[in-house]
Amino acid sequence: DVDDRKYCYCDRTSFGEMIACDDNSCEREWFHLSCIALVAPPKGSWYCDTCQQKR
């Protein structure tokens, strides 16, 4: 069962370490840590830039 859905700002498939946006209505939902300049997931809730602007 291959997941070929597109995620993240890069609009690529799932690979490597990823983090989910905690906004239930986030359009992208999952993000590659390397694309958002993180080396490890932060503690607590995390919101992508798009969802942070909506808050």
PDB file of N, CA and C in Angstrom:
ATOM      1  N   ASP A   1       0.848  -1.187   0.000  1.00  0.00           N
ATOM      2  CA  ASP A   1       0.000   0.000   0.000  1.00  0.00           C
ATOM      3  C   ASP A   1       0.887   1.243   0.000  1.00  0.00           C
ATOM      4  N   VAL A   2       1.064   1.843  -1.158  1.00  0.00           N
ATOM      5  CA  VAL A   2       1.952   2.985  -1.309  1.00  0.00           C
ATOM      6  C   VAL A   2       1.180   4.281  -1.093  1.00  0.00           C
ATOM      7  N   ASP A   3       1.760   5.168  -0.286  1.00  0.00           N
ATOM      8  CA  ASP A   3       1.160   6.481  -0.040  1.00  0.00           C
ATOM      9  C   ASP A   3       1.788   7.472  -1.008  1.00  0.00           C
ATOM     10  N   ASP A   4       1.042   7.849  -2.049  1.00  0.00           N
ATOM     11  CA  ASP A   4       1.576   8.788  -3.029  1.00  0.00           C
ATOM     12  C   ASP A   4       0.940  10.167  -2.905  1.00  0.00           C
ATOM     13  N   ARG A   5       0.296  10.432  -1.768  1.00  0.00           N
ATOM     14  CA  ARG A   5      -0.276  11.759  -1.544  1.00  0.00           C
ATOM     15  C   ARG A   5       0.847  12.778  -1.369  1.00  0.00           C
ATOM     16  N   LYS A   6       0.552  14.033  -1.667  1.00  0.00           N
ATOM     17  CA  LYS A   6       1.534  15.108  -1.564  1.00  0.00           C
ATOM     18  C   LYS A   6       1.352  15.844  -0.240  1.00  0.00           C
ATOM     19  N   TYR A   7       2.467  16.172   0.391  1.00  0.00           N
ATOM     20  CA  TYR A   7       2.475  16.857   1.675  1.00  0.00           C
ATOM     21  C   TYR A   7       3.437  18.036   1.637  1.00  0.00           C
ATOM     22  N   CYS A   8       3.429  18.813   2.683  1.00  0.00           N
ATOM     23  CA  CYS A   8       4.455  19.808   2.945  1.00  0.00           C
ATOM     24  C   CYS A   8       4.423  20.956   1.929  1.00  0.00           C
ATOM     25  N   TYR A   9       5.240  21.969   2.194  1.00  0.00           N
ATOM     26  CA  TYR A   9       5.356  23.101   1.266  1.00  0.00           C
ATOM     27  C   TYR A   9       6.015  22.670  -0.039  1.00  0.00           C
ATOM     28  N   CYS A  10       6.805  21.607   0.003  1.00  0.00           N
ATOM     29  CA  CYS A  10       7.511  21.140  -1.190  1.00  0.00           C
ATOM     30  C   CYS A  10       6.604  20.338  -2.123  1.00  0.00           C
ATOM     31  N   ASP A  11       5.413  19.973  -1.650  1.00  0.00           N
ATOM     32  CA  ASP A  11       4.432  19.232  -2.448  1.00  0.00           C
ATOM     33  C   ASP A  11       4.988  17.892  -2.936  1.00  0.00           C
ATOM     34  N   ARG A  12       5.694  17.194  -2.013  1.00  0.00           N
ATOM     35  CA  ARG A  12       6.251  15.883  -2.335  1.00  0.00           C
ATOM     36  C   ARG A  12       5.632  14.828  -1.435  1.00  0.00           C
ATOM     37  N   THR A  13       5.930  13.580  -1.731  1.00  0.00           N
ATOM     38  CA  THR A  13       5.376  12.467  -0.961  1.00  0.00           C
ATOM     39  C   THR A  13       6.034  12.373   0.414  1.00  0.00           C
ATOM     40  N   SER A  14       5.513  11.475   1.209  1.00  0.00           N
ATOM     41  CA  SER A  14       6.030  11.248   2.556  1.00  0.00           C
ATOM     42  C   SER A  14       7.401  10.587   2.498  1.00  0.00           C
ATOM     43  N   PHE A  15       8.376  11.154   3.213  1.00  0.00           N
ATOM     44  CA  PHE A  15       9.703  10.550   3.347  1.00  0.00           C
ATOM     45  C   PHE A  15      10.392  11.179   4.547  1.00  0.00           C
ATOM     46  N   GLY A  16      11.331  10.469   5.115  1.00  0.00           N
ATOM     47  CA  GLY A  16      12.093  10.999   6.238  1.00  0.00           C
ATOM     48  C   GLY A  16      11.212  11.305   7.436  1.00  0.00           C
ATOM     49  N   GLU A  17      11.745  12.125   8.336  1.00  0.00           N
ATOM     50  CA  GLU A  17      10.989  12.485   9.535  1.00  0.00           C
ATOM     51  C   GLU A  17      10.041  13.635   9.220  1.00  0.00           C
ATOM     52  N   MET A  18       8.797  13.477   9.675  1.00  0.00           N
ATOM     53  CA  MET A  18       7.771  14.480   9.390  1.00  0.00           C
ATOM     54  C   MET A  18       7.047  14.861  10.671  1.00  0.00           C
ATOM     55  N   ILE A  19       6.382  16.021  10.634  1.00  0.00           N
ATOM     56  CA  ILE A  19       5.608  16.501  11.766  1.00  0.00           C
ATOM     57  C   ILE A  19       4.237  16.931  11.249  1.00  0.00           C
ATOM     58  N   ALA A  20       3.221  16.701  12.052  1.00  0.00           N
ATOM     59  CA  ALA A  20       1.861  17.086  11.673  1.00  0.00           C
ATOM     60  C   ALA A  20       1.524  18.446  12.262  1.00  0.00           C
ATOM     61  N   CYS A  21       0.841  19.264  11.493  1.00  0.00           N
ATOM     62  CA  CYS A  21       0.308  20.529  11.994  1.00  0.00           C
ATOM     63  C   CYS A  21      -0.864  20.193  12.914  1.00  0.00           C
ATOM     64  N   ASP A  22      -0.949  20.866  14.059  1.00  0.00           N
ATOM     65  CA  ASP A  22      -2.001  20.577  15.031  1.00  0.00           C
ATOM     66  C   ASP A  22      -3.327  21.271  14.729  1.00  0.00           C
ATOM     67  N   ASP A  23      -3.406  22.004  13.626  1.00  0.00           N
ATOM     68  CA  ASP A  23      -4.678  22.603  13.215  1.00  0.00           C
ATOM     69  C   ASP A  23      -5.479  21.536  12.462  1.00  0.00           C
ATOM     70  N   ASN A  24      -6.648  21.207  12.962  1.00  0.00           N
ATOM     71  CA  ASN A  24      -7.466  20.146  12.358  1.00  0.00           C
ATOM     72  C   ASN A  24      -7.880  20.443  10.924  1.00  0.00           C
ATOM     73  N   SER A  25      -7.860  21.706  10.515  1.00  0.00           N
ATOM     74  CA  SER A  25      -8.269  22.049   9.153  1.00  0.00           C
ATOM     75  C   SER A  25      -7.077  22.394   8.254  1.00  0.00           C
ATOM     76  N   CYS A  26      -5.881  22.020   8.656  1.00  0.00           N
ATOM     77  CA  CYS A  26      -4.684  22.301   7.856  1.00  0.00           C
ATOM     78  C   CYS A  26      -4.788  21.582   6.509  1.00  0.00           C
ATOM     79  N   GLU A  27      -4.546  22.316   5.432  1.00  0.00           N
ATOM     80  CA  GLU A  27      -4.644  21.739   4.088  1.00  0.00           C
ATOM     81  C   GLU A  27      -3.502  20.770   3.795  1.00  0.00           C
ATOM     82  N   ARG A  28      -2.319  21.044   4.303  1.00  0.00           N
ATOM     83  CA  ARG A  28      -1.156  20.202   3.998  1.00  0.00           C
ATOM     84  C   ARG A  28      -0.964  19.089   5.024  1.00  0.00           C
ATOM     85  N   GLU A  29      -1.298  19.333   6.259  1.00  0.00           N
ATOM     86  CA  GLU A  29      -1.306  18.375   7.367  1.00  0.00           C
ATOM     87  C   GLU A  29       0.082  17.920   7.827  1.00  0.00           C
ATOM     88  N   TRP A  30       0.894  17.354   6.951  1.00  0.00           N
ATOM     89  CA  TRP A  30       2.206  16.824   7.329  1.00  0.00           C
ATOM     90  C   TRP A  30       3.317  17.600   6.638  1.00  0.00           C
ATOM     91  N   PHE A  31       4.446  17.766   7.361  1.00  0.00           N
ATOM     92  CA  PHE A  31       5.573  18.555   6.868  1.00  0.00           C
ATOM     93  C   PHE A  31       6.881  17.827   7.142  1.00  0.00           C
ATOM     94  N   HIS A  32       7.791  17.869   6.170  1.00  0.00           N
ATOM     95  CA  HIS A  32       9.125  17.299   6.357  1.00  0.00           C
ATOM     96  C   HIS A  32       9.910  18.242   7.269  1.00  0.00           C
ATOM     97  N   LEU A  33      10.558  17.699   8.283  1.00  0.00           N
ATOM     98  CA  LEU A  33      11.336  18.542   9.194  1.00  0.00           C
ATOM     99  C   LEU A  33      12.382  19.351   8.435  1.00  0.00           C
ATOM    100  N   SER A  34      13.008  18.740   7.442  1.00  0.00           N
ATOM    101  CA  SER A  34      14.047  19.441   6.685  1.00  0.00           C
ATOM    102  C   SER A  34      13.489  20.642   5.919  1.00  0.00           C
ATOM    103  N   CYS A  35      12.235  20.598   5.507  1.00  0.00           N
ATOM    104  CA  CYS A  35      11.631  21.703   4.753  1.00  0.00           C
ATOM    105  C   CYS A  35      11.259  22.886   5.649  1.00  0.00           C
ATOM    106  N   ILE A  36      11.040  22.612   6.936  1.00  0.00           N
ATOM    107  CA  ILE A  36      10.660  23.694   7.849  1.00  0.00           C
ATOM    108  C   ILE A  36      11.803  24.048   8.793  1.00  0.00           C
ATOM    109  N   ALA A  37      13.012  23.633   8.437  1.00  0.00           N
ATOM    110  CA  ALA A  37      14.242  23.986   9.151  1.00  0.00           C
ATOM    111  C   ALA A  37      14.237  23.555  10.611  1.00  0.00           C
ATOM    112  N   LEU A  38      13.712  22.359  10.883  1.00  0.00           N
ATOM    113  CA  LEU A  38      13.776  21.786  12.226  1.00  0.00           C
ATOM    114  C   LEU A  38      14.611  20.512  12.170  1.00  0.00           C
ATOM    115  N   VAL A  39      15.349  20.251  13.231  1.00  0.00           N
ATOM    116  CA  VAL A  39      16.108  19.002  13.296  1.00  0.00           C
ATOM    117  C   VAL A  39      15.382  17.969  14.144  1.00  0.00           C
ATOM    118  N   ALA A  40      14.442  18.440  14.974  1.00  0.00           N
ATOM    119  CA  ALA A  40      13.642  17.545  15.815  1.00  0.00           C
ATOM    120  C   ALA A  40      12.276  18.188  16.036  1.00  0.00           C
ATOM    121  N   PRO A  41      11.245  17.390  16.217  1.00  0.00           N
ATOM    122  CA  PRO A  41       9.918  17.956  16.485  1.00  0.00           C
ATOM    123  C   PRO A  41       9.924  18.738  17.798  1.00  0.00           C
ATOM    124  N   PRO A  42       9.280  19.904  17.838  1.00  0.00           N
ATOM    125  CA  PRO A  42       9.217  20.675  19.083  1.00  0.00           C
ATOM    126  C   PRO A  42       8.305  19.992  20.091  1.00  0.00           C
ATOM    127  N   LYS A  43       8.489  20.299  21.350  1.00  0.00           N
ATOM    128  CA  LYS A  43       7.601  19.767  22.386  1.00  0.00           C
ATOM    129  C   LYS A  43       6.296  20.551  22.348  1.00  0.00           C
ATOM    130  N   GLY A  44       5.191  19.887  22.593  1.00  0.00           N
ATOM    131  CA  GLY A  44       3.896  20.560  22.598  1.00  0.00           C
ATOM    132  C   GLY A  44       3.319  20.700  21.203  1.00  0.00           C
ATOM    133  N   SER A  45       2.348  21.568  21.080  1.00  0.00           N
ATOM    134  CA  SER A  45       1.653  21.776  19.806  1.00  0.00           C
ATOM    135  C   SER A  45       2.542  22.500  18.812  1.00  0.00           C
ATOM    136  N   TRP A  46       2.348  22.185  17.539  1.00  0.00           N
ATOM    137  CA  TRP A  46       3.067  22.861  16.466  1.00  0.00           C
ATOM    138  C   TRP A  46       2.083  23.182  15.356  1.00  0.00           C
ATOM    139  N   TYR A  47       2.147  24.418  14.844  1.00  0.00           N
ATOM    140  CA  TYR A  47       1.294  24.865  13.746  1.00  0.00           C
ATOM    141  C   TYR A  47       2.176  25.365  12.613  1.00  0.00           C
ATOM    142  N   CYS A  48       1.835  24.984  11.392  1.00  0.00           N
ATOM    143  CA  CYS A  48       2.583  25.462  10.230  1.00  0.00           C
ATOM    144  C   CYS A  48       2.386  26.971  10.086  1.00  0.00           C
ATOM    145  N   ASP A  49       3.224  27.605   9.270  1.00  0.00           N
ATOM    146  CA  ASP A  49       3.144  29.059   9.093  1.00  0.00           C
ATOM    147  C   ASP A  49       1.771  29.503   8.614  1.00  0.00           C
ATOM    148  N   THR A  50       1.177  28.754   7.693  1.00  0.00           N
ATOM    149  CA  THR A  50      -0.136  29.110   7.151  1.00  0.00           C
ATOM    150  C   THR A  50      -1.192  29.107   8.246  1.00  0.00           C
ATOM    151  N   CYS A  51      -1.208  28.067   9.061  1.00  0.00           N
ATOM    152  CA  CYS A  51      -2.213  27.963  10.127  1.00  0.00           C
ATOM    153  C   CYS A  51      -1.936  28.945  11.259  1.00  0.00           C
ATOM    154  N   GLN A  52      -0.663  29.250  11.518  1.00  0.00           N
ATOM    155  CA  GLN A  52      -0.337  30.248  12.536  1.00  0.00           C
ATOM    156  C   GLN A  52      -0.903  31.604  12.146  1.00  0.00           C
ATOM    157  N   GLN A  53      -0.847  31.939  10.864  1.00  0.00           N
ATOM    158  CA  GLN A  53      -1.370  33.222  10.391  1.00  0.00           C
ATOM    159  C   GLN A  53      -2.881  33.294  10.527  1.00  0.00           C
ATOM    160  N   LYS A  54      -3.567  32.153  10.463  1.00  0.00           N
ATOM    161  CA  LYS A  54      -5.032  32.121  10.584  1.00  0.00           C
ATOM    162  C   LYS A  54      -5.486  32.238  12.030  1.00  0.00           C
ATOM    163  N   ARG A  55      -4.599  31.955  12.980  1.00  0.00           N
ATOM    164  CA  ARG A  55      -4.978  31.926  14.395  1.00  0.00           C
ATOM    165  C   ARG A  55      -5.107  33.309  14.976  1.00  0.00           C
TER     166      ARG A  55
END
